[in-house]
PDB file of all heavy atoms in Angstrom:
ATOM      1  N   GLY A   1      76.070 112.790 133.314  1.00  0.00           N
ATOM      2  CA  GLY A   1      76.225 113.550 134.562  1.00  0.00           C
ATOM      3  C   GLY A   1      74.903 114.109 135.062  1.00  0.00           C
ATOM      4  O   GLY A   1      74.662 114.199 136.271  1.00  0.00           O
ATOM      5  N   GLU A   2      74.030 114.490 134.134  1.00  0.00           N
ATOM      6  CA  GLU A   2      72.703 115.000 134.497  1.00  0.00           C
ATOM      7  C   GLU A   2      71.835 113.883 135.060  1.00  0.00           C
ATOM      8  O   GLU A   2      71.071 114.091 136.002  1.00  0.00           O
ATOM      9  CB  GLU A   2      72.041 115.623 133.274  1.00  0.00           C
ATOM     10  CG  GLU A   2      72.744 116.872 132.765  1.00  0.00           C
ATOM     11  CD  GLU A   2      72.252 117.352 131.413  1.00  0.00           C
ATOM     12  OE1 GLU A   2      71.545 116.582 130.722  1.00  0.00           O
ATOM     13  OE2 GLU A   2      72.561 118.505 131.037  1.00  0.00           O
ATOM     14  N   ALA A   3      71.960 112.681 134.477  1.00  0.00           N
ATOM     15  CA  ALA A   3      71.193 111.532 134.961  1.00  0.00           C
ATOM     16  C   ALA A   3      71.619 111.161 136.379  1.00  0.00           C
ATOM     17  O   ALA A   3      70.780 110.926 137.258  1.00  0.00           O
ATOM     18  CB  ALA A   3      71.383 110.342 134.026  1.00  0.00           C
ATOM     19  N   ILE A   4      72.938 111.131 136.615  1.00  0.00           N
ATOM     20  CA  ILE A   4      73.463 110.767 137.932  1.00  0.00           C
ATOM     21  C   ILE A   4      72.993 111.746 139.008  1.00  0.00           C
ATOM     22  O   ILE A   4      72.755 111.363 140.153  1.00  0.00           O
ATOM     23  CB  ILE A   4      75.010 110.709 137.888  1.00  0.00           C
ATOM     24  CG1 ILE A   4      75.464 109.557 136.975  1.00  0.00           C
ATOM     25  CG2 ILE A   4      75.593 110.525 139.276  1.00  0.00           C
ATOM     26  CD1 ILE A   4      76.946 109.545 136.692  1.00  0.00           C
ATOM     27  N   ALA A   5      72.830 113.022 138.640  1.00  0.00           N
ATOM     28  CA  ALA A   5      72.431 114.057 139.599  1.00  0.00           C
ATOM     29  C   ALA A   5      70.915 114.112 139.826  1.00  0.00           C
ATOM     30  O   ALA A   5      70.441 114.799 140.738  1.00  0.00           O
ATOM     31  CB  ALA A   5      72.919 115.420 139.122  1.00  0.00           C
ATOM     32  N   LEU A   6      70.160 113.398 139.009  1.00  0.00           N
ATOM     33  CA  LEU A   6      68.695 113.489 139.043  1.00  0.00           C
ATOM     34  C   LEU A   6      68.135 112.948 140.367  1.00  0.00           C
ATOM     35  O   LEU A   6      68.540 111.887 140.837  1.00  0.00           O
ATOM     36  CB  LEU A   6      68.123 112.680 137.873  1.00  0.00           C
ATOM     37  CG  LEU A   6      66.767 113.083 137.311  1.00  0.00           C
ATOM     38  CD1 LEU A   6      66.793 114.521 136.809  1.00  0.00           C
ATOM     39  CD2 LEU A   6      66.383 112.130 136.184  1.00  0.00           C
ATOM     40  N   ARG A   7      67.194 113.687 140.958  1.00  0.00           N
ATOM     41  CA  ARG A   7      66.517 113.265 142.185  1.00  0.00           C
ATOM     42  C   ARG A   7      65.019 113.145 141.901  1.00  0.00           C
ATOM     43  O   ARG A   7      64.503 113.761 140.966  1.00  0.00           O
ATOM     44  CB  ARG A   7      66.788 114.256 143.326  1.00  0.00           C
ATOM     45  CG  ARG A   7      68.280 114.349 143.668  1.00  0.00           C
ATOM     46  CD  ARG A   7      68.571 115.328 144.794  1.00  0.00           C
ATOM     47  NE  ARG A   7      70.021 115.492 144.976  1.00  0.00           N
ATOM     48  CZ  ARG A   7      70.778 114.701 145.724  1.00  0.00           C
ATOM     49  NH1 ARG A   7      70.211 113.696 146.397  1.00  0.00           N
ATOM     50  NH2 ARG A   7      72.082 114.896 145.827  1.00  0.00           N
ATOM     51  N   TRP A   8      64.333 112.380 142.743  1.00  0.00           N
ATOM     52  CA  TRP A   8      62.900 112.145 142.488  1.00  0.00           C
ATOM     53  C   TRP A   8      62.102 113.443 142.507  1.00  0.00           C
ATOM     54  O   TRP A   8      61.081 113.556 141.835  1.00  0.00           O
ATOM     55  CB  TRP A   8      62.337 111.136 143.497  1.00  0.00           C
ATOM     56  CG  TRP A   8      62.843 109.745 143.275  1.00  0.00           C
ATOM     57  CD1 TRP A   8      63.620 108.988 144.101  1.00  0.00           C
ATOM     58  CD2 TRP A   8      62.613 108.936 142.113  1.00  0.00           C
ATOM     59  NE1 TRP A   8      63.904 107.769 143.539  1.00  0.00           N
ATOM     60  CE2 TRP A   8      63.295 107.708 142.317  1.00  0.00           C
ATOM     61  CE3 TRP A   8      61.921 109.114 140.914  1.00  0.00           C
ATOM     62  CZ2 TRP A   8      63.284 106.681 141.369  1.00  0.00           C
ATOM     63  CZ3 TRP A   8      61.914 108.092 139.985  1.00  0.00           C
ATOM     64  CH2 TRP A   8      62.582 106.899 140.205  1.00  0.00           C
ATOM     65  N   GLU A   9      62.569 114.430 143.252  1.00  0.00           N
ATOM     66  CA  GLU A   9      61.855 115.707 143.294  1.00  0.00           C
ATOM     67  C   GLU A   9      61.919 116.440 141.951  1.00  0.00           C
ATOM     68  O   GLU A   9      61.150 117.374 141.710  1.00  0.00           O
ATOM     69  CB  GLU A   9      62.422 116.599 144.403  1.00  0.00           C
ATOM     70  CG  GLU A   9      63.878 116.977 144.211  1.00  0.00           C
ATOM     71  CD  GLU A   9      64.476 117.665 145.421  1.00  0.00           C
ATOM     72  OE1 GLU A   9      63.748 117.816 146.429  1.00  0.00           O
ATOM     73  OE2 GLU A   9      65.671 118.044 145.373  1.00  0.00           O
ATOM     74  N   ASP A  10      62.834 116.015 141.075  1.00  0.00           N
ATOM     75  CA  ASP A  10      62.951 116.632 139.749  1.00  0.00           C
ATOM     76  C   ASP A  10      61.949 116.047 138.753  1.00  0.00           C
ATOM     77  O   ASP A  10      61.788 116.581 137.656  1.00  0.00           O
ATOM     78  CB  ASP A  10      64.368 116.442 139.195  1.00  0.00           C
ATOM     79  CG  ASP A  10      65.429 117.080 140.078  1.00  0.00           C
ATOM     80  OD1 ASP A  10      65.179 118.200 140.560  1.00  0.00           O
ATOM     81  OD2 ASP A  10      66.490 116.461 140.291  1.00  0.00           O
ATOM     82  N   ILE A  11      61.312 114.935 139.131  1.00  0.00           N
ATOM     83  CA  ILE A  11      60.340 114.279 138.262  1.00  0.00           C
ATOM     84  C   ILE A  11      58.933 114.690 138.660  1.00  0.00           C
ATOM     85  O   ILE A  11      58.532 114.524 139.820  1.00  0.00           O
ATOM     86  CB  ILE A  11      60.446 112.737 138.333  1.00  0.00           C
ATOM     87  CG1 ILE A  11      61.899 112.267 138.172  1.00  0.00           C
ATOM     88  CG2 ILE A  11      59.524 112.094 137.304  1.00  0.00           C
ATOM     89  CD1 ILE A  11      62.486 112.479 136.816  1.00  0.00           C
ATOM     90  N   ASP A  12      58.180 115.238 137.731  1.00  0.00           N
ATOM     91  CA  ASP A  12      56.773 115.586 137.973  1.00  0.00           C
ATOM     92  C   ASP A  12      55.922 114.544 137.247  1.00  0.00           C
ATOM     93  O   ASP A  12      55.671 114.652 136.048  1.00  0.00           O
ATOM     94  CB  ASP A  12      56.485 116.998 137.441  1.00  0.00           C
ATOM     95  CG  ASP A  12      55.080 117.479 137.792  1.00  0.00           C
ATOM     96  OD1 ASP A  12      54.208 116.625 138.062  1.00  0.00           O
ATOM     97  OD2 ASP A  12      54.852 118.705 137.779  1.00  0.00           O
ATOM     98  N   PHE A  13      55.515 113.516 137.995  1.00  0.00           N
ATOM     99  CA  PHE A  13      54.754 112.421 137.383  1.00  0.00           C
ATOM    100  C   PHE A  13      53.384 112.889 136.899  1.00  0.00           C
ATOM    101  O   PHE A  13      52.878 112.404 135.895  1.00  0.00           O
ATOM    102  CB  PHE A  13      54.596 111.267 138.380  1.00  0.00           C
ATOM    103  CG  PHE A  13      55.850 110.474 138.585  1.00  0.00           C
ATOM    104  CD1 PHE A  13      56.705 110.742 139.644  1.00  0.00           C
ATOM    105  CD2 PHE A  13      56.191 109.457 137.710  1.00  0.00           C
ATOM    106  CE1 PHE A  13      57.866 110.010 139.830  1.00  0.00           C
ATOM    107  CE2 PHE A  13      57.357 108.715 137.879  1.00  0.00           C
ATOM    108  CZ  PHE A  13      58.192 108.992 138.948  1.00  0.00           C
ATOM    109  N   GLU A  14      52.801 113.841 137.627  1.00  0.00           N
ATOM    110  CA  GLU A  14      51.462 114.307 137.262  1.00  0.00           C
ATOM    111  C   GLU A  14      51.482 115.043 135.914  1.00  0.00           C
ATOM    112  O   GLU A  14      50.634 114.807 135.047  1.00  0.00           O
ATOM    113  CB  GLU A  14      50.910 115.229 138.354  1.00  0.00           C
ATOM    114  CG  GLU A  14      49.482 115.674 138.090  1.00  0.00           C
ATOM    115  CD  GLU A  14      48.934 116.553 139.208  1.00  0.00           C
ATOM    116  OE1 GLU A  14      49.546 116.609 140.296  1.00  0.00           O
ATOM    117  OE2 GLU A  14      47.877 117.182 138.981  1.00  0.00           O
ATOM    118  N   ASN A  15      52.451 115.941 135.750  1.00  0.00           N
ATOM    119  CA  ASN A  15      52.525 116.721 134.515  1.00  0.00           C
ATOM    120  C   ASN A  15      53.463 116.102 133.476  1.00  0.00           C
ATOM    121  O   ASN A  15      53.650 116.666 132.394  1.00  0.00           O
ATOM    122  CB  ASN A  15      52.989 118.148 134.828  1.00  0.00           C
ATOM    123  CG  ASN A  15      51.965 118.900 135.642  1.00  0.00           C
ATOM    124  OD1 ASN A  15      50.800 118.983 135.265  1.00  0.00           O
ATOM    125  ND2 ASN A  15      52.380 119.433 136.790  1.00  0.00           N
ATOM    126  N   LYS A  16      54.058 114.965 133.836  1.00  0.00           N
ATOM    127  CA  LYS A  16      54.934 114.224 132.931  1.00  0.00           C
ATOM    128  C   LYS A  16      56.082 115.093 132.398  1.00  0.00           C
ATOM    129  O   LYS A  16      56.278 115.253 131.191  1.00  0.00           O
ATOM    130  CB  LYS A  16      54.130 113.631 131.766  1.00  0.00           C
ATOM    131  CG  LYS A  16      53.078 112.622 132.202  1.00  0.00           C
ATOM    132  CD  LYS A  16      52.363 112.001 131.009  1.00  0.00           C
ATOM    133  CE  LYS A  16      51.336 110.979 131.489  1.00  0.00           C
ATOM    134  NZ  LYS A  16      50.612 110.350 130.357  1.00  0.00           N
ATOM    135  N   THR A  17      56.828 115.647 133.343  1.00  0.00           N
ATOM    136  CA  THR A  17      57.994 116.470 132.984  1.00  0.00           C
ATOM    137  C   THR A  17      59.178 116.098 133.872  1.00  0.00           C
ATOM    138  O   THR A  17      59.017 115.510 134.944  1.00  0.00           O
ATOM    139  CB  THR A  17      57.715 117.978 133.150  1.00  0.00           C
ATOM    140  OG1 THR A  17      57.388 118.244 134.530  1.00  0.00           O
ATOM    141  CG2 THR A  17      56.600 118.440 132.244  1.00  0.00           C
ATOM    142  N   VAL A  18      60.376 116.466 133.430  1.00  0.00           N
ATOM    143  CA  VAL A  18      61.580 116.304 134.235  1.00  0.00           C
ATOM    144  C   VAL A  18      62.359 117.610 134.174  1.00  0.00           C
ATOM    145  O   VAL A  18      62.501 118.214 133.111  1.00  0.00           O
ATOM    146  CB  VAL A  18      62.444 115.112 133.745  1.00  0.00           C
ATOM    147  CG1 VAL A  18      62.815 115.260 132.271  1.00  0.00           C
ATOM    148  CG2 VAL A  18      63.719 114.983 134.589  1.00  0.00           C
ATOM    149  N   MET A  19      62.846 118.038 135.324  1.00  0.00           N
ATOM    150  CA  MET A  19      63.634 119.269 135.423  1.00  0.00           C
ATOM    151  C   MET A  19      65.120 118.905 135.435  1.00  0.00           C
ATOM    152  O   MET A  19      65.587 118.164 136.300  1.00  0.00           O
ATOM    153  CB  MET A  19      63.289 120.020 136.713  1.00  0.00           C
ATOM    154  CG  MET A  19      64.023 121.344 136.880  1.00  0.00           C
ATOM    155  SD  MET A  19      63.349 122.622 135.809  1.00  0.00           S
ATOM    156  CE  MET A  19      61.785 122.966 136.654  1.00  0.00           C
ATOM    157  N   ILE A  20      65.861 119.427 134.469  1.00  0.00           N
ATOM    158  CA  ILE A  20      67.308 119.199 134.389  1.00  0.00           C
ATOM    159  C   ILE A  20      68.010 120.493 134.761  1.00  0.00           C
ATOM    160  O   ILE A  20      68.020 121.449 133.996  1.00  0.00           O
ATOM    161  CB  ILE A  20      67.737 118.766 132.967  1.00  0.00           C
ATOM    162  CG1 ILE A  20      66.863 117.627 132.438  1.00  0.00           C
ATOM    163  CG2 ILE A  20      69.211 118.385 132.951  1.00  0.00           C
ATOM    164  CD1 ILE A  20      66.971 116.338 133.195  1.00  0.00           C
ATOM    165  N   ASN A  21      68.571 120.542 135.960  1.00  0.00           N
ATOM    166  CA  ASN A  21      69.206 121.790 136.402  1.00  0.00           C
ATOM    167  C   ASN A  21      70.545 121.590 137.108  1.00  0.00           C
ATOM    168  O   ASN A  21      71.105 122.523 137.666  1.00  0.00           O
ATOM    169  CB  ASN A  21      68.254 122.573 137.319  1.00  0.00           C
ATOM    170  CG  ASN A  21      67.815 121.756 138.525  1.00  0.00           C
ATOM    171  OD1 ASN A  21      68.374 120.690 138.799  1.00  0.00           O
ATOM    172  ND2 ASN A  21      66.818 122.242 139.233  1.00  0.00           N
ATOM    173  N   LYS A  22      71.037 120.358 137.088  1.00  0.00           N
ATOM    174  CA  LYS A  22      72.325 120.102 137.746  1.00  0.00           C
ATOM    175  C   LYS A  22      72.996 118.884 137.117  1.00  0.00           C
ATOM    176  O   LYS A  22      72.378 118.129 136.371  1.00  0.00           O
ATOM    177  CB  LYS A  22      72.129 119.883 139.252  1.00  0.00           C
ATOM    178  CG  LYS A  22      71.113 118.820 139.600  1.00  0.00           C
ATOM    179  CD  LYS A  22      70.775 118.858 141.082  1.00  0.00           C
ATOM    180  CE  LYS A  22      69.646 117.903 141.436  1.00  0.00           C
ATOM    181  NZ  LYS A  22      68.371 118.261 140.791  1.00  0.00           N
ATOM    182  N   SER A  23      74.262 118.729 137.456  1.00  0.00           N
ATOM    183  CA  SER A  23      75.047 117.623 136.919  1.00  0.00           C
ATOM    184  C   SER A  23      76.073 117.219 137.962  1.00  0.00           C
ATOM    185  O   SER A  23      76.492 118.036 138.782  1.00  0.00           O
ATOM    186  CB  SER A  23      75.744 118.051 135.624  1.00  0.00           C
ATOM    187  OG  SER A  23      76.523 117.005 135.092  1.00  0.00           O
ATOM    188  N   ILE A  24      76.432 115.942 137.958  1.00  0.00           N
ATOM    189  CA  ILE A  24      77.487 115.469 138.858  1.00  0.00           C
ATOM    190  C   ILE A  24      78.676 115.043 138.018  1.00  0.00           C
ATOM    191  O   ILE A  24      78.540 114.254 137.086  1.00  0.00           O
ATOM    192  CB  ILE A  24      77.004 114.309 139.753  1.00  0.00           C
ATOM    193  CG1 ILE A  24      76.022 114.852 140.803  1.00  0.00           C
ATOM    194  CG2 ILE A  24      78.191 113.625 140.446  1.00  0.00           C
ATOM    195  CD1 ILE A  24      75.465 113.813 141.737  1.00  0.00           C
ATOM    196  N   GLU A  25      79.824 115.604 138.332  1.00  0.00           N
ATOM    197  CA  GLU A  25      81.054 115.303 137.599  1.00  0.00           C
ATOM    198  C   GLU A  25      82.088 114.724 138.558  1.00  0.00           C
ATOM    199  O   GLU A  25      82.170 115.132 139.718  1.00  0.00           O
ATOM    200  CB  GLU A  25      81.630 116.582 136.972  1.00  0.00           C
ATOM    201  CG  GLU A  25      80.681 117.321 136.068  1.00  0.00           C
ATOM    202  CD  GLU A  25      80.671 116.781 134.651  1.00  0.00           C
ATOM    203  OE1 GLU A  25      81.487 115.873 134.375  1.00  0.00           O
ATOM    204  OE2 GLU A  25      79.875 117.272 133.842  1.00  0.00           O
ATOM    205  N   ARG A  26      82.871 113.776 138.088  1.00  0.00           N
ATOM    206  CA  ARG A  26      83.981 113.248 138.887  1.00  0.00           C
ATOM    207  C   ARG A  26      85.187 114.143 138.627  1.00  0.00           C
ATOM    208  O   ARG A  26      85.653 114.261 137.490  1.00  0.00           O
ATOM    209  CB  ARG A  26      84.264 111.802 138.517  1.00  0.00           C
ATOM    210  CG  ARG A  26      85.410 111.185 139.293  1.00  0.00           C
ATOM    211  CD  ARG A  26      85.233 109.696 139.476  1.00  0.00           C
ATOM    212  NE  ARG A  26      84.186 109.404 140.431  1.00  0.00           N
ATOM    213  CZ  ARG A  26      83.973 108.203 140.967  1.00  0.00           C
ATOM    214  NH1 ARG A  26      84.732 107.196 140.627  1.00  0.00           N
ATOM    215  NH2 ARG A  26      83.002 108.015 141.834  1.00  0.00           N
ATOM    216  N   VAL A  27      85.690 114.795 139.682  1.00  0.00           N
ATOM    217  CA  VAL A  27      86.793 115.753 139.532  1.00  0.00           C
ATOM    218  C   VAL A  27      87.960 115.359 140.435  1.00  0.00           C
ATOM    219  O   VAL A  27      87.815 114.552 141.362  1.00  0.00           O
ATOM    220  CB  VAL A  27      86.327 117.188 139.868  1.00  0.00           C
ATOM    221  CG1 VAL A  27      85.228 117.634 138.920  1.00  0.00           C
ATOM    222  CG2 VAL A  27      85.854 117.289 141.313  1.00  0.00           C
ATOM    223  N   ILE A  28      89.111 115.951 140.147  1.00  0.00           N
ATOM    224  CA  ILE A  28      90.320 115.678 140.938  1.00  0.00           C
ATOM    225  C   ILE A  28      90.154 116.272 142.335  1.00  0.00           C
ATOM    226  O   ILE A  28      89.738 117.417 142.496  1.00  0.00           O
ATOM    227  CB  ILE A  28      91.556 116.278 140.254  1.00  0.00           C
ATOM    228  CG1 ILE A  28      91.797 115.587 138.899  1.00  0.00           C
ATOM    229  CG2 ILE A  28      92.796 116.157 141.130  1.00  0.00           C
ATOM    230  CD1 ILE A  28      92.848 116.258 138.045  1.00  0.00           C
TER     231      ILE A  28
END
């Protein structure tokens, strides 16, 4: 769910980090 929610703005290529702060879930 965290991978599905990931956007390019969450990736810092210069500092080689990824910010994980959201998730996408399939709900009723």
